[in-house]
Amino acid sequence: MSHTQHAVKFFLLTGEPGVGKTTLTKKLNSILNDRGIKTSGFYTEEVRCSLLWIKQGYDVVSLDGIRGRLAREVSLLPEPINFKFGKYGVLVQEFEKIALPTLLQLKDPVMIIDEIGKMEFYSNSFKLAIREIFRSKSDIIVLATIPLRSSDSLIESIRHDARSKVWTVTRANRNTIHEDILKELASLLNLV
């Protein structure tokens, strides 16, 4: 029996849609930054109509604050769209313009990727970048969100990688789970 143990370097958050994965990701990013740990990457954010609070789509936002459209309700888009996810048209080029540069700068100790999912995977360039990041031998720690269920072989290989630890976010634990995740991150990042 082998005694070699793979060190966890991929922290994966999963859970039902709307449970708070992005909120948790932003919270962890903020705490790491407050402790002097530099991060790079992006998150996705719901976009709602301010009057009726109706969801209109999603934006992609880099950690340095650059924002672009990821998806919009098809009825709100003036041009025909090549990629659709439910009622949303996915704006692949706008997404790539914001997300891809954040994945190429492998200089910060922690990379945040919210989210590795079906909409984002309409971008072949994004999918290739994700494959490279998770194959990489670098010391970078990845904090990413993935769908609870997926039939995508790349997402499943990431989920089952020996270096991955999957945290399921629920309504019951979403306000406290960050403490457990931070404990594990702290030991890897030599935080006190």
Protein backbone atom coordinates (compact mmCIF):
# COMPACT_ATOMS: atom_id res chain seq x y z
CA MET A 1 0.00 0.00 0.00
CA SER A 2 1.33 3.41 -0.97
CA HIS A 3 1.82 6.04 1.69
CA THR A 4 2.03 8.94 -0.74
CA GLN A 5 -0.85 11.30 -0.25
CA HIS A 6 -1.75 13.99 -2.73
CA ALA A 7 -1.93 17.40 -1.12
CA VAL A 8 -5.22 19.18 -1.69
CA LYS A 9 -4.75 22.11 -4.03
CA PHE A 10 -8.19 22.33 -5.64
CA PHE A 11 -10.94 23.57 -3.33
CA LEU A 12 -14.24 22.95 -5.10
CA LEU A 13 -17.53 24.43 -3.92
CA THR A 14 -20.70 22.79 -5.16
CA GLY A 15 -24.38 22.94 -4.29
CA GLU A 16 -27.81 23.67 -5.68
CA PRO A 17 -28.21 26.79 -7.86
CA GLY A 18 -28.85 29.87 -5.72
CA VAL A 19 -27.55 28.32 -2.48
CA GLY A 20 -24.79 30.92 -2.07
CA LYS A 21 -21.65 29.54 -3.74
CA THR A 22 -20.71 32.88 -5.31
CA THR A 23 -21.38 34.75 -2.05
CA LEU A 24 -19.15 32.24 -0.23
CA THR A 25 -16.45 32.57 -2.91
CA LYS A 26 -16.46 36.38 -2.57
CA LYS A 27 -16.31 36.08 1.23
CA LEU A 28 -13.31 33.71 1.09
CA ASN A 29 -11.58 35.98 -1.44
CA SER A 30 -12.11 38.99 0.80
CA ILE A 31 -10.76 37.19 3.89
CA LEU A 32 -7.69 35.96 1.97
CA ASN A 33 -7.02 39.48 0.65
CA ASP A 34 -7.42 40.92 4.17
CA ARG A 35 -4.74 38.43 5.32
CA GLY A 36 -2.36 39.57 2.61
CA ILE A 37 -2.92 36.69 0.17
CA LYS A 38 -3.12 37.85 -3.43
CA THR A 39 -5.79 36.28 -5.62
CA SER A 40 -6.67 36.37 -9.29
CA GLY A 41 -9.65 35.09 -11.22
CA PHE A 42 -13.30 35.98 -11.65
CA TYR A 43 -16.81 35.40 -10.37
CA THR A 44 -20.22 35.39 -12.00
CA GLU A 45 -23.08 37.46 -10.72
CA GLU A 46 -26.82 37.52 -11.35
CA VAL A 47 -28.13 40.63 -13.09
CA ARG A 48 -31.62 41.69 -12.10
CA CYS A 49 -33.99 44.39 -13.30
CA SER A 50 -33.92 46.99 -10.55
CA LEU A 51 -37.66 47.69 -10.68
CA LEU A 52 -39.12 44.19 -10.50
CA TRP A 53 -36.07 42.27 -9.27
CA ILE A 54 -36.47 39.88 -12.21
CA LYS A 55 -33.32 38.01 -13.23
CA GLN A 56 -32.14 39.18 -16.66
CA GLY A 57 -28.93 37.18 -16.89
CA TYR A 58 -25.39 36.95 -15.56
CA ASP A 59 -22.26 39.08 -15.63
CA VAL A 60 -18.66 37.95 -15.37
CA VAL A 61 -16.54 40.12 -13.07
CA SER A 62 -12.76 39.88 -12.73
CA LEU A 63 -11.35 40.21 -9.21
CA ASP A 64 -9.93 43.58 -10.23
CA GLY A 65 -13.44 44.81 -11.03
CA ILE A 66 -13.70 44.53 -14.83
CA ARG A 67 -17.28 43.54 -15.70
CA GLY A 68 -18.82 42.07 -18.84
CA ARG A 69 -21.90 40.15 -19.88
CA LEU A 70 -21.88 36.36 -19.62
CA ALA A 71 -25.54 35.75 -20.50
CA ARG A 72 -28.79 37.64 -21.01
CA GLU A 73 -32.35 36.60 -21.49
CA VAL A 74 -32.67 35.98 -25.25
CA SER A 75 -35.59 38.45 -25.50
CA LEU A 76 -33.24 41.25 -24.30
CA LEU A 77 -30.61 40.62 -26.98
CA PRO A 78 -30.91 42.56 -30.23
CA GLU A 79 -28.74 40.18 -32.23
CA PRO A 80 -29.27 36.45 -32.92
CA ILE A 81 -27.26 34.30 -30.53
CA ASN A 82 -25.31 31.10 -31.25
CA PHE A 83 -25.31 29.61 -27.76
CA LYS A 84 -28.39 29.23 -25.58
CA PHE A 85 -28.72 27.92 -22.04
CA GLY A 86 -32.40 27.71 -21.08
CA LYS A 87 -33.86 31.17 -21.63
CA TYR A 88 -30.41 32.78 -21.74
CA GLY A 89 -28.19 33.61 -24.67
CA VAL A 90 -24.54 33.08 -23.74
CA LEU A 91 -22.23 35.89 -24.89
CA VAL A 92 -19.07 33.82 -25.32
CA GLN A 93 -16.78 36.56 -26.69
CA GLU A 94 -17.68 39.01 -23.91
CA PHE A 95 -17.15 36.29 -21.30
CA GLU A 96 -13.77 35.33 -22.80
CA LYS A 97 -12.61 38.95 -22.90
CA ILE A 98 -12.97 39.19 -19.08
CA ALA A 99 -12.39 35.61 -17.87
CA LEU A 100 -9.49 34.36 -20.00
CA PRO A 101 -6.91 37.01 -19.03
CA THR A 102 -7.56 36.24 -15.34
CA LEU A 103 -6.73 32.55 -15.93
CA LEU A 104 -3.47 33.24 -17.74
CA GLN A 105 -1.79 35.22 -14.97
CA LEU A 106 -0.45 32.37 -12.86
CA LYS A 107 1.36 34.70 -10.47
CA ASP A 108 -0.90 34.87 -7.42
CA PRO A 109 -1.00 32.07 -4.83
CA VAL A 110 -4.78 31.58 -5.17
CA MET A 111 -6.90 31.48 -8.32
CA ILE A 112 -10.65 31.93 -8.01
CA ILE A 113 -12.88 30.49 -10.73
CA ASP A 114 -16.61 31.03 -10.21
CA GLU A 115 -17.85 29.13 -12.11
CA ILE A 116 -16.77 26.08 -14.08
CA GLY A 117 -20.12 25.23 -15.63
CA LYS A 118 -22.18 24.64 -18.72
CA MET A 119 -22.59 28.28 -19.77
CA GLU A 120 -18.86 28.97 -19.40
CA PHE A 121 -18.03 25.78 -21.33
CA TYR A 122 -19.62 27.19 -24.49
CA SER A 123 -16.17 28.81 -24.73
CA ASN A 124 -13.68 26.26 -26.05
CA SER A 125 -10.82 28.59 -25.07
CA PHE A 126 -12.10 28.67 -21.48
CA LYS A 127 -12.45 24.90 -21.40
CA LEU A 128 -8.87 24.50 -22.66
CA ALA A 129 -7.59 26.97 -20.04
CA ILE A 130 -9.42 25.06 -17.28
CA ARG A 131 -7.94 21.76 -18.50
CA GLU A 132 -4.43 23.28 -18.38
CA ILE A 133 -4.91 24.81 -14.92
CA PHE A 134 -6.04 21.50 -13.44
CA ARG A 135 -3.18 19.61 -15.16
CA SER A 136 -0.62 22.17 -14.08
CA LYS A 137 2.21 21.29 -11.73
CA SER A 138 2.26 24.83 -10.34
CA ASP A 139 1.82 25.56 -6.64
CA ILE A 140 -1.25 27.69 -7.26
CA ILE A 141 -4.27 26.83 -5.15
CA VAL A 142 -7.57 26.90 -7.02
CA LEU A 143 -10.85 27.84 -5.36
CA ALA A 144 -13.60 27.08 -7.85
CA THR A 145 -17.33 26.43 -8.03
CA ILE A 146 -18.71 23.50 -10.00
CA PRO A 147 -22.25 22.24 -10.59
CA LEU A 148 -23.69 19.72 -8.13
CA ARG A 149 -24.44 17.40 -11.05
CA SER A 150 -22.69 17.34 -14.39
CA SER A 151 -22.30 14.98 -17.31
CA ASP A 152 -19.21 16.84 -18.54
CA SER A 153 -16.13 14.62 -18.41
CA LEU A 154 -13.75 17.52 -17.63
CA ILE A 155 -15.86 18.71 -14.67
CA GLU A 156 -16.11 15.14 -13.40
CA SER A 157 -12.34 14.58 -13.75
CA ILE A 158 -11.75 17.78 -11.71
CA ARG A 159 -14.29 16.66 -9.09
CA HIS A 160 -12.59 13.26 -8.71
CA ASP A 161 -8.96 14.44 -8.95
CA ALA A 162 -6.88 13.19 -6.00
CA ARG A 163 -5.82 16.81 -5.35
CA SER A 164 -9.44 18.04 -5.12
CA LYS A 165 -11.56 18.49 -2.05
CA VAL A 166 -15.26 19.08 -2.69
CA TRP A 167 -17.30 21.17 -0.28
CA THR A 168 -21.09 20.98 -0.65
CA VAL A 169 -22.69 24.31 0.22
CA THR A 170 -26.19 24.08 1.70
CA ARG A 171 -28.60 26.56 3.25
CA ALA A 172 -27.70 25.03 6.64
CA ASN A 173 -23.90 25.47 6.35
CA ARG A 174 -23.43 28.39 3.95
CA ASN A 175 -22.78 30.92 6.74
CA THR A 176 -20.22 28.78 8.60
CA ILE A 177 -18.53 26.48 6.04
CA HIS A 178 -15.97 29.21 5.20
CA GLU A 179 -14.31 28.59 8.60
CA ASP A 180 -13.51 24.96 7.72
CA ILE A 181 -12.34 25.88 4.23
CA LEU A 182 -10.13 28.67 5.64
CA LYS A 183 -8.53 26.28 8.14
CA GLU A 184 -7.38 24.02 5.28
CA LEU A 185 -6.34 26.95 3.10
CA ALA A 186 -4.42 28.49 6.01
CA SER A 187 -2.28 25.41 6.46
CA LEU A 188 -1.38 25.41 2.73
CA LEU A 189 -0.73 29.14 2.61
CA ASN A 190 1.17 29.27 5.93
CA LEU A 191 -1.33 31.65 7.51
CA VAL A 192 -1.59 31.88 11.24
